[in-house]
PDB file of N, CA and C in Angstrom:
ATOM      1  N   MET A   1      67.653-132.713-113.545  1.00  0.00           N
ATOM      2  CA  MET A   1      68.077-132.390-112.459  1.00  0.00           C
ATOM      3  C   MET A   1      69.138-132.277-112.421  1.00  0.00           C
ATOM      4  N   ASP A   2      69.804-131.151-111.720  1.00  0.00           N
ATOM      5  CA  ASP A   2      71.047-130.373-111.814  1.00  0.00           C
ATOM      6  C   ASP A   2      71.581-130.963-110.182  1.00  0.00           C
ATOM      7  N   PHE A   3      73.409-130.756-110.796  1.00  0.00           N
ATOM      8  CA  PHE A   3      74.129-131.541-109.621  1.00  0.00           C
ATOM      9  C   PHE A   3      75.282-131.008-110.088  1.00  0.00           C
ATOM     10  N   ILE A   4      76.437-131.679-108.692  1.00  0.00           N
ATOM     11  CA  ILE A   4      77.159-131.531-108.752  1.00  0.00           C
ATOM     12  C   ILE A   4      77.714-132.628-108.200  1.00  0.00           C
ATOM     13  N   ALA A   5      78.591-134.042-109.010  1.00  0.00           N
ATOM     14  CA  ALA A   5      79.477-134.723-108.554  1.00  0.00           C
ATOM     15  C   ALA A   5      80.827-134.596-107.961  1.00  0.00           C
ATOM     16  N   ILE A   6      81.297-135.173-106.714  1.00  0.00           N
ATOM     17  CA  ILE A   6      82.660-134.569-106.084  1.00  0.00           C
ATOM     18  C   ILE A   6      83.047-135.794-106.144  1.00  0.00           C
ATOM     19  N   ASP A   7      84.588-135.709-106.186  1.00  0.00           N
ATOM     20  CA  ASP A   7      85.562-137.343-105.930  1.00  0.00           C
ATOM     21  C   ASP A   7      86.681-137.508-105.271  1.00  0.00           C
ATOM     22  N   PHE A   8      86.702-137.034-103.947  1.00  0.00           N
ATOM     23  CA  PHE A   8      88.389-137.442-103.091  1.00  0.00           C
ATOM     24  C   PHE A   8      89.191-138.190-103.449  1.00  0.00           C
ATOM     25  N   GLU A   9      90.655-137.606-103.771  1.00  0.00           N
ATOM     26  CA  GLU A   9      91.446-139.480-102.600  1.00  0.00           C
ATOM     27  C   GLU A   9      92.633-138.544-101.666  1.00  0.00           C
ATOM     28  N   THR A  10      92.760-139.399-101.296  1.00  0.00           N
ATOM     29  CA  THR A  10      94.069-139.123-100.429  1.00  0.00           C
ATOM     30  C   THR A  10      95.254-139.639-100.305  1.00  0.00           C
ATOM     31  N   ALA A  11      96.223-139.145-100.297  1.00  0.00           N
ATOM     32  CA  ALA A  11      97.690-139.541-100.440  1.00  0.00           C
ATOM     33  C   ALA A  11      97.214-140.389 -98.357  1.00  0.00           C
ATOM     34  N   ASN A  12      96.276-140.097 -97.670  1.00  0.00           N
ATOM     35  CA  ASN A  12      97.028-141.521 -96.396  1.00  0.00           C
ATOM     36  C   ASN A  12      95.510-141.382 -95.508  1.00  0.00           C
ATOM     37  N   ARG A  13      95.734-142.273 -94.476  1.00  0.00           N
ATOM     38  CA  ARG A  13      94.505-142.009 -94.042  1.00  0.00           C
ATOM     39  C   ARG A  13      93.696-140.881 -93.417  1.00  0.00           C
ATOM     40  N   ARG A  14      94.023-139.834 -92.861  1.00  0.00           N
ATOM     41  CA  ARG A  14      94.512-138.925 -92.238  1.00  0.00           C
ATOM     42  C   ARG A  14      93.088-137.992 -94.021  1.00  0.00           C
ATOM     43  N   ARG A  15      91.329-137.763 -93.471  1.00  0.00           N
ATOM     44  CA  ARG A  15      91.326-137.338 -93.770  1.00  0.00           C
ATOM     45  C   ARG A  15      91.417-135.782 -94.683  1.00  0.00           C
ATOM     46  N   SER A  16      92.878-134.628 -93.636  1.00  0.00           N
ATOM     47  CA  SER A  16      92.729-133.613 -94.190  1.00  0.00           C
ATOM     48  C   SER A  16      93.829-133.579 -95.717  1.00  0.00           C
ATOM     49  N   SER A  17      94.703-135.432 -95.741  1.00  0.00           N
ATOM     50  CA  SER A  17      95.311-135.525 -96.937  1.00  0.00           C
ATOM     51  C   SER A  17      95.095-135.012 -98.679  1.00  0.00           C
ATOM     52  N   ALA A  18      93.877-134.239 -98.556  1.00  0.00           N
ATOM     53  CA  ALA A  18      93.304-134.365-100.511  1.00  0.00           C
ATOM     54  C   ALA A  18      94.380-134.506-100.756  1.00  0.00           C
ATOM     55  N   CYS A  19      94.666-135.081-101.611  1.00  0.00           N
ATOM     56  CA  CYS A  19      95.801-134.565-103.702  1.00  0.00           C
ATOM     57  C   CYS A  19      95.056-135.248-104.428  1.00  0.00           C
ATOM     58  N   SER A  20      93.785-135.477-104.911  1.00  0.00           N
ATOM     59  CA  SER A  20      92.806-135.183-106.305  1.00  0.00           C
ATOM     60  C   SER A  20      91.485-134.593-105.771  1.00  0.00           C
ATOM     61  N   LEU A  21      91.131-133.733-106.494  1.00  0.00           N
ATOM     62  CA  LEU A  21      89.533-133.163-106.648  1.00  0.00           C
ATOM     63  C   LEU A  21      88.955-133.750-108.449  1.00  0.00           C
ATOM     64  N   ALA A  22      87.758-134.495-107.978  1.00  0.00           N
ATOM     65  CA  ALA A  22      87.420-134.367-109.900  1.00  0.00           C
ATOM     66  C   ALA A  22      85.998-133.875-109.085  1.00  0.00           C
ATOM     67  N   ILE A  23      85.435-133.316-110.111  1.00  0.00           N
ATOM     68  CA  ILE A  23      83.847-132.366-110.117  1.00  0.00           C
ATOM     69  C   ILE A  23      83.487-132.485-111.696  1.00  0.00           C
ATOM     70  N   SER A  24      81.773-132.933-111.844  1.00  0.00           N
ATOM     71  CA  SER A  24      81.463-133.031-113.015  1.00  0.00           C
ATOM     72  C   SER A  24      80.051-132.504-112.422  1.00  0.00           C
ATOM     73  N   ILE A  25      79.632-131.455-113.639  1.00  0.00           N
ATOM     74  CA  ILE A  25      78.595-130.756-113.066  1.00  0.00           C
ATOM     75  C   ILE A  25      77.515-131.654-114.234  1.00  0.00           C
ATOM     76  N   MET A  26      76.524-131.378-113.614  1.00  0.00           N
ATOM     77  CA  MET A  26      75.207-131.728-114.522  1.00  0.00           C
ATOM     78  C   MET A  26      74.112-131.017-114.588  1.00  0.00           C
ATOM     79  N   HIS A  27      74.194-131.093-115.437  1.00  0.00           N
ATOM     80  CA  HIS A  27      72.421-130.687-115.951  1.00  0.00           C
ATOM     81  C   HIS A  27      71.712-130.904-117.337  1.00  0.00           C
ATOM     82  N   ASP A  28      70.077-130.843-116.348  1.00  0.00           N
ATOM     83  CA  ASP A  28      69.506-131.927-117.265  1.00  0.00           C
ATOM     84  C   ASP A  28      69.897-133.704-117.422  1.00  0.00           C
ATOM     85  N   GLY A  29      70.826-133.973-116.863  1.00  0.00           N
ATOM     86  CA  GLY A  29      70.986-135.786-116.551  1.00  0.00           C
ATOM     87  C   GLY A  29      72.391-136.019-118.013  1.00  0.00           C
ATOM     88  N   ASN A  30      72.923-134.519-117.804  1.00  0.00           N
ATOM     89  CA  ASN A  30      74.024-134.323-118.573  1.00  0.00           C
ATOM     90  C   ASN A  30      75.541-134.251-118.057  1.00  0.00           C
ATOM     91  N   ILE A  31      76.269-134.222-118.232  1.00  0.00           N
ATOM     92  CA  ILE A  31      77.890-133.526-117.707  1.00  0.00           C
ATOM     93  C   ILE A  31      78.116-132.644-118.478  1.00  0.00           C
ATOM     94  N   VAL A  32      78.159-131.287-118.210  1.00  0.00           N
ATOM     95  CA  VAL A  32      78.031-129.840-118.584  1.00  0.00           C
ATOM     96  C   VAL A  32      79.678-129.503-118.605  1.00  0.00           C
ATOM     97  N   ASP A  33      79.819-130.055-117.551  1.00  0.00           N
ATOM     98  CA  ASP A  33      81.951-129.688-117.280  1.00  0.00           C
ATOM     99  C   ASP A  33      82.625-130.234-116.812  1.00  0.00           C
ATOM    100  N   ARG A  34      83.606-130.439-116.256  1.00  0.00           N
ATOM    101  CA  ARG A  34      84.470-131.265-115.733  1.00  0.00           C
ATOM    102  C   ARG A  34      85.670-130.384-115.082  1.00  0.00           C
ATOM    103  N   LYS A  35      86.204-130.462-113.890  1.00  0.00           N
ATOM    104  CA  LYS A  35      87.388-130.281-113.233  1.00  0.00           C
ATOM    105  C   LYS A  35      87.998-130.902-112.471  1.00  0.00           C
ATOM    106  N   HIS A  36      89.361-130.814-112.745  1.00  0.00           N
ATOM    107  CA  HIS A  36      90.265-131.933-111.462  1.00  0.00           C
ATOM    108  C   HIS A  36      91.020-130.885-111.363  1.00  0.00           C
ATOM    109  N   TRP A  37      91.336-131.348-110.177  1.00  0.00           N
ATOM    110  CA  TRP A  37      92.935-131.025-109.640  1.00  0.00           C
ATOM    111  C   TRP A  37      93.600-132.260-108.834  1.00  0.00           C
ATOM    112  N   LEU A  38      94.670-132.221-109.148  1.00  0.00           N
ATOM    113  CA  LEU A  38      95.683-132.619-108.612  1.00  0.00           C
ATOM    114  C   LEU A  38      95.917-131.567-106.752  1.00  0.00           C
ATOM    115  N   ILE A  39      96.697-131.920-105.591  1.00  0.00           N
ATOM    116  CA  ILE A  39      96.749-131.340-104.781  1.00  0.00           C
ATOM    117  C   ILE A  39      97.849-131.990-104.174  1.00  0.00           C
ATOM    118  N   ARG A  40      98.837-130.713-103.356  1.00  0.00           N
ATOM    119  CA  ARG A  40      99.874-131.134-102.978  1.00  0.00           C
ATOM    120  C   ARG A  40      99.187-130.731-101.189  1.00  0.00           C
ATOM    121  N   PRO A  41      98.850-132.025-100.400  1.00  0.00           N
ATOM    122  CA  PRO A  41      98.441-132.261 -99.596  1.00  0.00           C
ATOM    123  C   PRO A  41      99.588-131.800 -98.052  1.00  0.00           C
ATOM    124  N   GLU A  42      99.617-131.167 -97.285  1.00  0.00           N
ATOM    125  CA  GLU A  42     100.648-130.683 -95.742  1.00  0.00           C
ATOM    126  C   GLU A  42     100.027-131.282 -95.249  1.00  0.00           C
ATOM    127  N   PRO A  43     101.430-132.234 -94.347  1.00  0.00           N
ATOM    128  CA  PRO A  43     102.281-132.590 -94.942  1.00  0.00           C
ATOM    129  C   PRO A  43     102.658-133.366 -96.028  1.00  0.00           C
ATOM    130  N   LEU A  44     103.606-133.775 -97.082  1.00  0.00           N
ATOM    131  CA  LEU A  44     103.071-134.141 -98.351  1.00  0.00           C
ATOM    132  C   LEU A  44     103.843-136.101 -97.607  1.00  0.00           C
ATOM    133  N   GLU A  45     102.936-136.566 -97.207  1.00  0.00           N
ATOM    134  CA  GLU A  45     103.073-137.942 -97.039  1.00  0.00           C
ATOM    135  C   GLU A  45     101.727-138.245 -97.887  1.00  0.00           C
ATOM    136  N   PHE A  46     102.464-139.930 -98.501  1.00  0.00           N
ATOM    137  CA  PHE A  46     102.468-140.714 -98.807  1.00  0.00           C
ATOM    138  C   PHE A  46     102.105-141.406 -98.558  1.00  0.00           C
ATOM    139  N   ASP A  47     101.248-142.634 -98.265  1.00  0.00           N
ATOM    140  CA  ASP A  47     100.738-144.716 -97.915  1.00  0.00           C
ATOM    141  C   ASP A  47     100.853-144.591 -99.421  1.00  0.00           C
ATOM    142  N   SER A  48     101.735-145.915 -99.388  1.00  0.00           N
ATOM    143  CA  SER A  48     101.707-147.265-100.647  1.00  0.00           C
ATOM    144  C   SER A  48     100.066-147.373-100.805  1.00  0.00           C
ATOM    145  N   PHE A  49      99.573-147.628 -99.709  1.00  0.00           N
ATOM    146  CA  PHE A  49      97.818-147.973 -99.518  1.00  0.00           C
ATOM    147  C   PHE A  49      96.919-147.496 -99.991  1.00  0.00           C
ATOM    148  N   ASN A  50      97.119-146.165-100.036  1.00  0.00           N
ATOM    149  CA  ASN A  50      96.505-144.782-100.929  1.00  0.00           C
ATOM    150  C   ASN A  50      96.933-145.054-102.493  1.00  0.00           C
ATOM    151  N   THR A  51      98.399-144.710-102.376  1.00  0.00           N
ATOM    152  CA  THR A  51      98.894-145.059-103.925  1.00  0.00           C
ATOM    153  C   THR A  51      98.355-146.306-104.826  1.00  0.00           C
ATOM    154  N   ALA A  52      98.003-147.642-104.047  1.00  0.00           N
ATOM    155  CA  ALA A  52      97.860-148.474-104.631  1.00  0.00           C
ATOM    156  C   ALA A  52      96.749-148.236-105.289  1.00  0.00           C
ATOM    157  N   ILE A  53      95.112-147.751-104.902  1.00  0.00           N
ATOM    158  CA  ILE A  53      94.520-147.816-105.049  1.00  0.00           C
ATOM    159  C   ILE A  53      94.326-146.506-106.305  1.00  0.00           C
ATOM    160  N   HIS A  54      94.520-145.013-105.854  1.00  0.00           N
ATOM    161  CA  HIS A  54      94.469-144.116-107.181  1.00  0.00           C
ATOM    162  C   HIS A  54      95.836-144.056-107.503  1.00  0.00           C
ATOM    163  N   GLY A  55      96.866-144.641-107.569  1.00  0.00           N
ATOM    164  CA  GLY A  55      98.106-144.399-108.625  1.00  0.00           C
ATOM    165  C   GLY A  55      98.791-143.447-108.372  1.00  0.00           C
ATOM    166  N   ILE A  56      97.995-142.183-107.515  1.00  0.00           N
ATOM    167  CA  ILE A  56      98.692-140.654-107.665  1.00  0.00           C
ATOM    168  C   ILE A  56      99.389-141.620-106.227  1.00  0.00           C
ATOM    169  N   THR A  57     101.039-140.349-106.809  1.00  0.00           N
ATOM    170  CA  THR A  57     102.051-140.297-105.752  1.00  0.00           C
ATOM    171  C   THR A  57     102.757-138.838-105.611  1.00  0.00           C
ATOM    172  N   GLU A  58     103.515-139.053-104.815  1.00  0.00           N
ATOM    173  CA  GLU A  58     104.242-138.065-104.066  1.00  0.00           C
ATOM    174  C   GLU A  58     104.660-136.811-105.486  1.00  0.00           C
ATOM    175  N   ASN A  59     105.543-137.293-106.340  1.00  0.00           N
ATOM    176  CA  ASN A  59     106.152-136.752-107.387  1.00  0.00           C
ATOM    177  C   ASN A  59     105.043-136.086-107.898  1.00  0.00           C
ATOM    178  N   ASP A  60     104.267-136.954-108.075  1.00  0.00           N
ATOM    179  CA  ASP A  60     103.019-136.201-109.202  1.00  0.00           C
ATOM    180  C   ASP A  60     102.288-135.159-108.676  1.00  0.00           C
ATOM    181  N   VAL A  61     102.702-135.017-107.449  1.00  0.00           N
ATOM    182  CA  VAL A  61     101.747-133.929-107.169  1.00  0.00           C
ATOM    183  C   VAL A  61     102.199-132.422-105.915  1.00  0.00           C
ATOM    184  N   LYS A  62     103.876-132.753-105.626  1.00  0.00           N
ATOM    185  CA  LYS A  62     104.592-131.986-105.157  1.00  0.00           C
ATOM    186  C   LYS A  62     105.100-130.304-105.907  1.00  0.00           C
ATOM    187  N   ASN A  63     104.420-130.674-107.503  1.00  0.00           N
ATOM    188  CA  ASN A  63     104.464-128.446-107.635  1.00  0.00           C
ATOM    189  C   ASN A  63     102.467-128.245-107.605  1.00  0.00           C
ATOM    190  N   ALA A  64     101.735-129.340-106.828  1.00  0.00           N
ATOM    191  CA  ALA A  64     100.779-128.379-107.136  1.00  0.00           C
ATOM    192  C   ALA A  64      99.890-128.036-106.484  1.00  0.00           C
ATOM    193  N   PRO A  65      99.087-127.783-106.672  1.00  0.00           N
ATOM    194  CA  PRO A  65      98.408-125.998-105.478  1.00  0.00           C
ATOM    195  C   PRO A  65      98.141-127.130-104.159  1.00  0.00           C
ATOM    196  N   THR A  66      98.251-126.439-103.234  1.00  0.00           N
ATOM    197  CA  THR A  66      97.554-127.035-101.757  1.00  0.00           C
ATOM    198  C   THR A  66      95.628-126.552-101.899  1.00  0.00           C
ATOM    199  N   PHE A  67      95.314-127.065-101.100  1.00  0.00           N
ATOM    200  CA  PHE A  67      93.483-126.903-101.380  1.00  0.00           C
ATOM    201  C   PHE A  67      93.536-125.853-100.589  1.00  0.00           C
ATOM    202  N   SER A  68      93.998-125.001-100.142  1.00  0.00           N
ATOM    203  CA  SER A  68      93.718-123.838 -99.565  1.00  0.00           C
ATOM    204  C   SER A  68      94.180-122.528-100.197  1.00  0.00           C
ATOM    205  N   GLN A  69      95.165-123.072-102.014  1.00  0.00           N
ATOM    206  CA  GLN A  69      94.915-122.259-102.978  1.00  0.00           C
ATOM    207  C   GLN A  69      93.869-122.538-103.591  1.00  0.00           C
ATOM    208  N   ILE A  70      93.349-124.217-104.128  1.00  0.00           N
ATOM    209  CA  ILE A  70      91.806-124.252-105.203  1.00  0.00           C
ATOM    210  C   ILE A  70      90.946-123.671-104.608  1.00  0.00           C
ATOM    211  N   TYR A  71      90.526-123.580-103.262  1.00  0.00           N
ATOM    212  CA  TYR A  71      89.691-123.900-102.841  1.00  0.00           C
ATOM    213  C   TYR A  71      88.480-122.152-102.908  1.00  0.00           C
ATOM    214  N   PRO A  72      89.078-121.597-103.221  1.00  0.00           N
ATOM    215  CA  PRO A  72      87.885-120.665-103.571  1.00  0.00           C
ATOM    216  C   PRO A  72      86.978-121.339-105.230  1.00  0.00           C
ATOM    217  N   ASP A  73      87.903-121.189-106.236  1.00  0.00           N
ATOM    218  CA  ASP A  73      87.405-122.233-106.743  1.00  0.00           C
ATOM    219  C   ASP A  73      86.457-122.741-106.952  1.00  0.00           C
ATOM    220  N   VAL A  74      86.766-124.256-105.486  1.00  0.00           N
ATOM    221  CA  VAL A  74      85.430-124.768-105.659  1.00  0.00           C
ATOM    222  C   VAL A  74      84.727-124.428-105.159  1.00  0.00           C
ATOM    223  N   PHE A  75      84.909-123.572-103.793  1.00  0.00           N
ATOM    224  CA  PHE A  75      83.370-122.440-103.372  1.00  0.00           C
ATOM    225  C   PHE A  75      82.443-122.114-104.042  1.00  0.00           C
ATOM    226  N   ASP A  76      83.312-121.515-105.141  1.00  0.00           N
ATOM    227  CA  ASP A  76      82.339-120.933-105.945  1.00  0.00           C
ATOM    228  C   ASP A  76      81.381-121.826-106.813  1.00  0.00           C
ATOM    229  N   LEU A  77      82.045-123.506-107.468  1.00  0.00           N
ATOM    230  CA  LEU A  77      81.358-124.462-108.305  1.00  0.00           C
ATOM    231  C   LEU A  77      80.632-124.900-106.987  1.00  0.00           C
ATOM    232  N   LEU A  78      80.781-124.813-106.231  1.00  0.00           N
ATOM    233  CA  LEU A  78      79.714-126.013-105.295  1.00  0.00           C
ATOM    234  C   LEU A  78      78.598-125.080-104.580  1.00  0.00           C
ATOM    235  N   ASN A  79      78.804-124.104-103.758  1.00  0.00           N
ATOM    236  CA  ASN A  79      78.309-123.213-102.700  1.00  0.00           C
ATOM    237  C   ASN A  79      77.106-123.006-103.247  1.00  0.00           C
ATOM    238  N   HIS A  80      75.824-123.213-102.430  1.00  0.00           N
ATOM    239  CA  HIS A  80      74.181-123.432-103.542  1.00  0.00           C
ATOM    240  C   HIS A  80      73.872-124.596-104.248  1.00  0.00           C
ATOM    241  N   LYS A  81      74.701-125.750-104.472  1.00  0.00           N
ATOM    242  CA  LYS A  81      74.502-126.364-104.825  1.00  0.00           C
ATOM    243  C   LYS A  81      74.495-127.506-104.561  1.00  0.00           C
ATOM    244  N   LEU A  82      73.340-128.384-105.896  1.00  0.00           N
ATOM    245  CA  LEU A  82      73.203-130.086-104.938  1.00  0.00           C
ATOM    246  C   LEU A  82      74.265-130.789-105.115  1.00  0.00           C
ATOM    247  N   VAL A  83      75.134-131.523-104.173  1.00  0.00           N
ATOM    248  CA  VAL A  83      76.346-132.215-104.364  1.00  0.00           C
ATOM    249  C   VAL A  83      76.439-133.511-104.241  1.00  0.00           C
ATOM    250  N   VAL A  84      76.696-134.810-105.004  1.00  0.00           N
ATOM    251  CA  VAL A  84      76.745-136.219-104.178  1.00  0.00           C
ATOM    252  C   VAL A  84      78.180-136.323-104.784  1.00  0.00           C
ATOM    253  N   ALA A  85      77.777-137.913-103.632  1.00  0.00           N
ATOM    254  CA  ALA A  85      79.392-138.584-103.979  1.00  0.00           C
ATOM    255  C   ALA A  85      78.943-140.151-103.835  1.00  0.00           C
ATOM    256  N   HIS A  86      79.603-140.911-103.972  1.00  0.00           N
ATOM    257  CA  HIS A  86      79.114-142.004-105.099  1.00  0.00           C
ATOM    258  C   HIS A  86      79.560-142.759-103.007  1.00  0.00           C
ATOM    259  N   ASN A  87      80.266-142.379-102.508  1.00  0.00           N
ATOM    260  CA  ASN A  87      81.128-142.429-101.229  1.00  0.00           C
ATOM    261  C   ASN A  87      80.902-141.287-100.384  1.00  0.00           C
ATOM    262  N   ALA A  88      79.492-140.647 -99.919  1.00  0.00           N
ATOM    263  CA  ALA A  88      79.130-139.664 -99.666  1.00  0.00           C
ATOM    264  C   ALA A  88      80.223-138.646 -98.125  1.00  0.00           C
ATOM    265  N   SER A  89      79.964-139.494 -97.430  1.00  0.00           N
ATOM    266  CA  SER A  89      80.586-139.246 -96.010  1.00  0.00           C
ATOM    267  C   SER A  89      82.174-139.559 -96.031  1.00  0.00           C
ATOM    268  N   PHE A  90      82.932-140.120 -96.894  1.00  0.00           N
ATOM    269  CA  PHE A  90      84.170-140.253 -97.129  1.00  0.00           C
ATOM    270  C   PHE A  90      84.528-138.774 -97.584  1.00  0.00           C
ATOM    271  N   ASP A  91      83.848-137.855 -98.825  1.00  0.00           N
ATOM    272  CA  ASP A  91      83.870-137.174-100.179  1.00  0.00           C
ATOM    273  C   ASP A  91      83.683-136.126 -98.778  1.00  0.00           C
ATOM    274  N   ILE A  92      82.336-136.038 -98.641  1.00  0.00           N
ATOM    275  CA  ILE A  92      82.093-134.603 -97.152  1.00  0.00           C
ATOM    276  C   ILE A  92      83.196-134.489 -96.797  1.00  0.00           C
ATOM    277  N   SER A  93      83.302-135.325 -95.577  1.00  0.00           N
ATOM    278  CA  SER A  93      84.093-135.256 -94.674  1.00  0.00           C
ATOM    279  C   SER A  93      85.576-134.762 -95.280  1.00  0.00           C
ATOM    280  N   VAL A  94      85.970-135.241 -96.453  1.00  0.00           N
ATOM    281  CA  VAL A  94      87.438-134.129 -96.475  1.00  0.00           C
ATOM    282  C   VAL A  94      87.394-132.783 -97.346  1.00  0.00           C
ATOM    283  N   LEU A  95      86.281-133.017 -97.650  1.00  0.00           N
ATOM    284  CA  LEU A  95      86.062-131.628 -97.838  1.00  0.00           C
ATOM    285  C   LEU A  95      85.519-130.396 -95.915  1.00  0.00           C
ATOM    286  N   LYS A  96      85.356-131.349 -95.925  1.00  0.00           N
ATOM    287  CA  LYS A  96      85.237-130.309 -94.481  1.00  0.00           C
ATOM    288  C   LYS A  96      86.831-130.117 -93.433  1.00  0.00           C
ATOM    289  N   HIS A  97      87.168-131.275 -93.796  1.00  0.00           N
ATOM    290  CA  HIS A  97      88.922-131.086 -93.101  1.00  0.00           C
ATOM    291  C   HIS A  97      90.065-130.429 -93.944  1.00  0.00           C
TER     292      HIS A  97
END
C-alpha cells in the first residue's frame, strides 16, 4: 500500500502555529523517502507547554521558512495521495489552518 504519513508540531495552542512538519512516503510497506521542515510560525510565539512536548524553540525556527513558503513543496507531495496521521484530526486541522 502506498501512502504519505504526516506529523505536525505547533508552537502554541493555535492550529495555525505549525513549527515543524515531518512526512514519510511509503511504497509497498517501506519508507522510500522522508522530508522534514522546521517552520517559523507567524506570529513567532511559543508556549512552554508545547516546547516541553517537542523540544522545538523559537530560536530553532527564527530563520526557518514560513508554512506559506514551503507549501508548494508540501502540496506537490500530498496532492492526490492517501494521507495518514497518528492524530489525524489534529494534523489535518493544522494543515488546513
